[in-house]
C-alpha cells in the first residue's frame, strides 16, 4: 500500500483550503456548504484526515464529546475506494481513540449501504439499534453502530497520525 499519513484537527483549525475541500466532499452526504461551514465552528468538531502525497484522499468528521466519538461522515475519494484505504483510516482512528481514552465510537449508516456496512463490520462495529424509515429519498432504515473501544484489544498498524 502507498505511503499514507493522517492528521487530527479541530474543524476550525483546518486551513481554508482543507475546509473547502471537505465542504465539497460533504455534498456527497447531502450537506450544504453552510452546514459544513457551521460544523467547522463547533468546539467539539474534529476531522481525522487521510493524505496521500499531501492530498486529502479521505476523512472522518466527528464530534468529540467527553469520552465518545460520534462519527458524522466517513469519506474516501472515489479513486481510492475498495483498496483498503477506508479500513486503514478507521483502524487508525480507533487507535487514536485509545490514546484519547474514548469509550465508544458511534455512527449511523443507511441499512442498504452494503459497502459501508461491510466496512464497519470488518473493523469491529456492531449494530446496536435501528431507526425504521429514518431516511427519505430513497426511504431506508438507519442502523446505529458502535465500536466499544474499552472492550477491544490493541490494533497494530504501522502508519502513524500527527
C-alpha atoms as a PDB file:
ATOM      1  CA  UNK A   1       0.000   0.000   0.000  1.00  0.00           C
ATOM      2  CA  UNK A   2       1.153   3.509  -0.802  1.00  0.00           C
ATOM      3  CA  UNK A   3       2.560   5.901   1.842  1.00  0.00           C
ATOM      4  CA  UNK A   4      -0.387   7.332   3.732  1.00  0.00           C
ATOM      5  CA  UNK A   5      -0.320   9.910   6.517  1.00  0.00           C
ATOM      6  CA  UNK A   6      -3.023  11.063   8.924  1.00  0.00           C
ATOM      7  CA  UNK A   7      -3.814  14.313  10.689  1.00  0.00           C
ATOM      8  CA  UNK A   8      -6.156  15.031  13.609  1.00  0.00           C
ATOM      9  CA  UNK A   9      -7.540  18.556  13.800  1.00  0.00           C
ATOM     10  CA  UNK A  10     -10.369  20.652  15.158  1.00  0.00           C
ATOM     11  CA  UNK A  11     -12.661  21.779  12.357  1.00  0.00           C
ATOM     12  CA  UNK A  12     -11.847  25.452  12.847  1.00  0.00           C
ATOM     13  CA  UNK A  13      -8.089  24.763  12.854  1.00  0.00           C
ATOM     14  CA  UNK A  14      -8.164  23.331   9.331  1.00  0.00           C
ATOM     15  CA  UNK A  15      -6.775  25.552   6.601  1.00  0.00           C
ATOM     16  CA  UNK A  16      -9.323  27.313   4.389  1.00  0.00           C
ATOM     17  CA  UNK A  17      -8.189  25.035   1.539  1.00  0.00           C
ATOM     18  CA  UNK A  18      -8.871  21.916   3.655  1.00  0.00           C
ATOM     19  CA  UNK A  19     -12.249  23.295   4.773  1.00  0.00           C
ATOM     20  CA  UNK A  20     -13.295  23.996   1.163  1.00  0.00           C
ATOM     21  CA  UNK A  21     -12.214  20.524   0.052  1.00  0.00           C
ATOM     22  CA  UNK A  22     -14.110  18.857   2.911  1.00  0.00           C
ATOM     23  CA  UNK A  23     -17.210  21.002   2.305  1.00  0.00           C
ATOM     24  CA  UNK A  24     -17.144  19.915  -1.349  1.00  0.00           C
ATOM     25  CA  UNK A  25     -16.811  16.245  -0.332  1.00  0.00           C
ATOM     26  CA  UNK A  26     -19.593  16.640   2.275  1.00  0.00           C
ATOM     27  CA  UNK A  27     -22.052  17.328  -0.534  1.00  0.00           C
ATOM     28  CA  UNK A  28     -21.956  13.549  -1.138  1.00  0.00           C
ATOM     29  CA  UNK A  29     -23.841  13.295   2.188  1.00  0.00           C
ATOM     30  CA  UNK A  30     -26.361  15.972   1.148  1.00  0.00           C
ATOM     31  CA  UNK A  31     -24.680  18.505   3.400  1.00  0.00           C
ATOM     32  CA  UNK A  32     -24.905  22.070   2.158  1.00  0.00           C
ATOM     33  CA  UNK A  33     -21.863  24.350   2.188  1.00  0.00           C
ATOM     34  CA  UNK A  34     -23.487  26.259   5.055  1.00  0.00           C
ATOM     35  CA  UNK A  35     -23.946  23.052   7.091  1.00  0.00           C
ATOM     36  CA  UNK A  36     -20.253  22.241   6.677  1.00  0.00           C
ATOM     37  CA  UNK A  37     -19.226  25.806   7.481  1.00  0.00           C
ATOM     38  CA  UNK A  38     -21.313  25.774  10.671  1.00  0.00           C
ATOM     39  CA  UNK A  39     -19.906  22.388  11.706  1.00  0.00           C
ATOM     40  CA  UNK A  40     -16.308  23.639  11.379  1.00  0.00           C
ATOM     41  CA  UNK A  41     -17.062  26.288  14.027  1.00  0.00           C
ATOM     42  CA  UNK A  42     -18.104  23.927  16.844  1.00  0.00           C
ATOM     43  CA  UNK A  43     -15.511  23.392  19.547  1.00  0.00           C
ATOM     44  CA  UNK A  44     -16.301  19.651  19.599  1.00  0.00           C
ATOM     45  CA  UNK A  45     -15.950  19.087  15.820  1.00  0.00           C
ATOM     46  CA  UNK A  46     -12.827  17.216  14.740  1.00  0.00           C
ATOM     47  CA  UNK A  47     -11.588  15.804  11.473  1.00  0.00           C
ATOM     48  CA  UNK A  48      -9.313  12.828  11.031  1.00  0.00           C
ATOM     49  CA  UNK A  49      -7.737  13.391   7.618  1.00  0.00           C
ATOM     50  CA  UNK A  50      -6.013  10.838   5.415  1.00  0.00           C
ATOM     51  CA  UNK A  51      -3.402  12.107   2.941  1.00  0.00           C
ATOM     52  CA  UNK A  52      -1.556  10.613   0.007  1.00  0.00           C
ATOM     53  CA  UNK A  53       1.218  12.783  -1.450  1.00  0.00           C
ATOM     54  CA  UNK A  54      -0.090  15.783   0.567  1.00  0.00           C
ATOM     55  CA  UNK A  55      -3.576  15.447  -0.993  1.00  0.00           C
ATOM     56  CA  UNK A  56      -6.648  14.730   1.149  1.00  0.00           C
ATOM     57  CA  UNK A  57      -7.972  11.371  -0.021  1.00  0.00           C
ATOM     58  CA  UNK A  58     -10.323  10.699   2.877  1.00  0.00           C
ATOM     59  CA  UNK A  59     -11.572  11.874   6.217  1.00  0.00           C
ATOM     60  CA  UNK A  60     -13.751  11.112   9.183  1.00  0.00           C
ATOM     61  CA  UNK A  61     -15.761  14.039  10.507  1.00  0.00           C
ATOM     62  CA  UNK A  62     -16.854  13.583  14.094  1.00  0.00           C
ATOM     63  CA  UNK A  63     -17.990  15.190  17.298  1.00  0.00           C
ATOM     64  CA  UNK A  64     -15.731  14.518  20.295  1.00  0.00           C
ATOM     65  CA  UNK A  65     -17.899  14.669  23.397  1.00  0.00           C
ATOM     66  CA  UNK A  66     -16.360  13.729  26.756  1.00  0.00           C
ATOM     67  CA  UNK A  67     -15.411  10.054  26.228  1.00  0.00           C
ATOM     68  CA  UNK A  68     -17.199   9.394  22.943  1.00  0.00           C
ATOM     69  CA  UNK A  69     -16.646   9.933  19.238  1.00  0.00           C
ATOM     70  CA  UNK A  70     -19.866  10.465  17.260  1.00  0.00           C
ATOM     71  CA  UNK A  71     -18.959   9.959  13.603  1.00  0.00           C
ATOM     72  CA  UNK A  72     -20.930  12.162  11.211  1.00  0.00           C
ATOM     73  CA  UNK A  73     -19.123  11.496   7.927  1.00  0.00           C
ATOM     74  CA  UNK A  74     -16.694   8.950   6.523  1.00  0.00           C
ATOM     75  CA  UNK A  75     -15.403   9.788   3.076  1.00  0.00           C
ATOM     76  CA  UNK A  76     -12.827   8.196   0.781  1.00  0.00           C
ATOM     77  CA  UNK A  77     -12.018   9.716  -2.622  1.00  0.00           C
ATOM     78  CA  UNK A  78     -13.576   7.535  -5.365  1.00  0.00           C
ATOM     79  CA  UNK A  79     -10.121   6.830  -6.863  1.00  0.00           C
ATOM     80  CA  UNK A  80      -9.067   5.215  -3.567  1.00  0.00           C
ATOM     81  CA  UNK A  81     -12.205   3.214  -2.763  1.00  0.00           C
ATOM     82  CA  UNK A  82     -12.243  -0.578  -2.475  1.00  0.00           C
ATOM     83  CA  UNK A  83      -8.474  -0.637  -1.994  1.00  0.00           C
ATOM     84  CA  UNK A  84      -8.310  -0.839   1.808  1.00  0.00           C
ATOM     85  CA  UNK A  85      -7.901   2.879   2.480  1.00  0.00           C
ATOM     86  CA  UNK A  86     -11.212   3.278   4.337  1.00  0.00           C
ATOM     87  CA  UNK A  87     -10.389   0.331   6.576  1.00  0.00           C
ATOM     88  CA  UNK A  88      -6.886   1.683   7.250  1.00  0.00           C
ATOM     89  CA  UNK A  89      -8.322   5.111   8.125  1.00  0.00           C
ATOM     90  CA  UNK A  90     -10.899   3.677  10.544  1.00  0.00           C
ATOM     91  CA  UNK A  91      -8.297   1.454  12.207  1.00  0.00           C
ATOM     92  CA  UNK A  92      -6.059   4.473  12.733  1.00  0.00           C
ATOM     93  CA  UNK A  93      -8.995   6.426  14.174  1.00  0.00           C
ATOM     94  CA  UNK A  94      -9.683   3.557  16.588  1.00  0.00           C
ATOM     95  CA  UNK A  95      -6.011   3.560  17.581  1.00  0.00           C
ATOM     96  CA  UNK A  96      -6.206   7.327  18.170  1.00  0.00           C
ATOM     97  CA  UNK A  97      -9.385   6.887  20.232  1.00  0.00           C
ATOM     98  CA  UNK A  98      -7.483   4.707  22.675  1.00  0.00           C
ATOM     99  CA  UNK A  99      -4.905   7.446  23.250  1.00  0.00           C
ATOM    100  CA  UNK A 100      -7.784   9.874  23.951  1.00  0.00           C
ATOM    101  CA  UNK A 101      -9.404   7.476  26.449  1.00  0.00           C
ATOM    102  CA  UNK A 102     -12.541   7.197  24.336  1.00  0.00           C
ATOM    103  CA  UNK A 103     -15.015   4.548  25.500  1.00  0.00           C
ATOM    104  CA  UNK A 104     -17.352   4.349  22.489  1.00  0.00           C
ATOM    105  CA  UNK A 105     -17.397   5.316  18.831  1.00  0.00           C
ATOM    106  CA  UNK A 106     -20.889   5.682  17.399  1.00  0.00           C
ATOM    107  CA  UNK A 107     -22.160   6.209  13.875  1.00  0.00           C
ATOM    108  CA  UNK A 108     -25.303   5.970  11.816  1.00  0.00           C
ATOM    109  CA  UNK A 109     -25.475   4.300   8.394  1.00  0.00           C
ATOM    110  CA  UNK A 110     -28.176   3.517   5.859  1.00  0.00           C
ATOM    111  CA  UNK A 111     -29.211  -0.132   6.090  1.00  0.00           C
ATOM    112  CA  UNK A 112     -28.948  -0.504   2.303  1.00  0.00           C
ATOM    113  CA  UNK A 113     -25.407   0.923   2.110  1.00  0.00           C
ATOM    114  CA  UNK A 114     -23.871  -2.532   1.886  1.00  0.00           C
ATOM    115  CA  UNK A 115     -20.280  -1.435   1.217  1.00  0.00           C
ATOM    116  CA  UNK A 116     -20.272   0.879   4.264  1.00  0.00           C
ATOM    117  CA  UNK A 117     -21.931  -1.730   6.485  1.00  0.00           C
ATOM    118  CA  UNK A 118     -19.383  -4.335   5.392  1.00  0.00           C
ATOM    119  CA  UNK A 119     -16.505  -1.933   6.110  1.00  0.00           C
ATOM    120  CA  UNK A 120     -17.790  -1.032   9.574  1.00  0.00           C
ATOM    121  CA  UNK A 121     -18.356  -4.690  10.454  1.00  0.00           C
ATOM    122  CA  UNK A 122     -14.845  -5.577   9.236  1.00  0.00           C
ATOM    123  CA  UNK A 123     -13.245  -3.108  11.671  1.00  0.00           C
ATOM    124  CA  UNK A 124     -15.398  -4.245  14.613  1.00  0.00           C
ATOM    125  CA  UNK A 125     -18.514  -2.052  14.739  1.00  0.00           C
ATOM    126  CA  UNK A 126     -21.705  -3.722  15.978  1.00  0.00           C
ATOM    127  CA  UNK A 127     -25.316  -2.792  15.282  1.00  0.00           C
ATOM    128  CA  UNK A 128     -26.972  -1.604  18.497  1.00  0.00           C
ATOM    129  CA  UNK A 129     -30.211  -0.087  17.174  1.00  0.00           C
ATOM    130  CA  UNK A 130     -32.318   0.534  14.089  1.00  0.00           C
ATOM    131  CA  UNK A 131     -34.315   3.665  13.274  1.00  0.00           C
ATOM    132  CA  UNK A 132     -37.047   2.429  10.930  1.00  0.00           C
ATOM    133  CA  UNK A 133     -37.833   4.602   7.897  1.00  0.00           C
ATOM    134  CA  UNK A 134     -35.382   7.226   9.118  1.00  0.00           C
ATOM    135  CA  UNK A 135     -34.075   8.234   5.693  1.00  0.00           C
ATOM    136  CA  UNK A 136     -36.055   9.587   2.753  1.00  0.00           C
ATOM    137  CA  UNK A 137     -35.147   9.791  -0.949  1.00  0.00           C
ATOM    138  CA  UNK A 138     -34.801   6.848  -1.012  1.00  0.00           C
ATOM    139  CA  UNK A 139     -36.633   5.571   2.027  1.00  0.00           C
ATOM    140  CA  UNK A 140     -34.369   3.499   4.245  1.00  0.00           C
ATOM    141  CA  UNK A 141     -33.691   2.438   7.819  1.00  0.00           C
ATOM    142  CA  UNK A 142     -30.756   3.841   9.791  1.00  0.00           C
ATOM    143  CA  UNK A 143     -28.527   1.451  11.687  1.00  0.00           C
ATOM    144  CA  UNK A 144     -26.796   2.791  14.776  1.00  0.00           C
ATOM    145  CA  UNK A 145     -23.396   1.155  15.077  1.00  0.00           C
ATOM    146  CA  UNK A 146     -20.994   1.150  17.993  1.00  0.00           C
ATOM    147  CA  UNK A 147     -17.355   0.324  18.431  1.00  0.00           C
ATOM    148  CA  UNK A 148     -16.690  -0.392  22.108  1.00  0.00           C
ATOM    149  CA  UNK A 149     -13.126   0.878  22.464  1.00  0.00           C
ATOM    150  CA  UNK A 150     -12.645  -0.401  26.024  1.00  0.00           C
ATOM    151  CA  UNK A 151     -13.700  -3.918  25.089  1.00  0.00           C
ATOM    152  CA  UNK A 152     -11.478  -4.297  22.020  1.00  0.00           C
ATOM    153  CA  UNK A 153      -7.772  -5.132  22.007  1.00  0.00           C
ATOM    154  CA  UNK A 154      -4.934  -3.016  20.685  1.00  0.00           C
ATOM    155  CA  UNK A 155      -4.791  -2.535  16.931  1.00  0.00           C
ATOM    156  CA  UNK A 156      -1.364  -2.976  15.400  1.00  0.00           C
ATOM    157  CA  UNK A 157      -0.783  -0.856  12.337  1.00  0.00           C
ATOM    158  CA  UNK A 158       2.425   0.734  11.178  1.00  0.00           C
ATOM    159  CA  UNK A 159       1.081   4.066   9.939  1.00  0.00           C
ATOM    160  CA  UNK A 160       1.031   6.961  12.371  1.00  0.00           C
ATOM    161  CA  UNK A 161      -1.009  10.092  12.789  1.00  0.00           C
ATOM    162  CA  UNK A 162       0.126  13.627  13.633  1.00  0.00           C
END
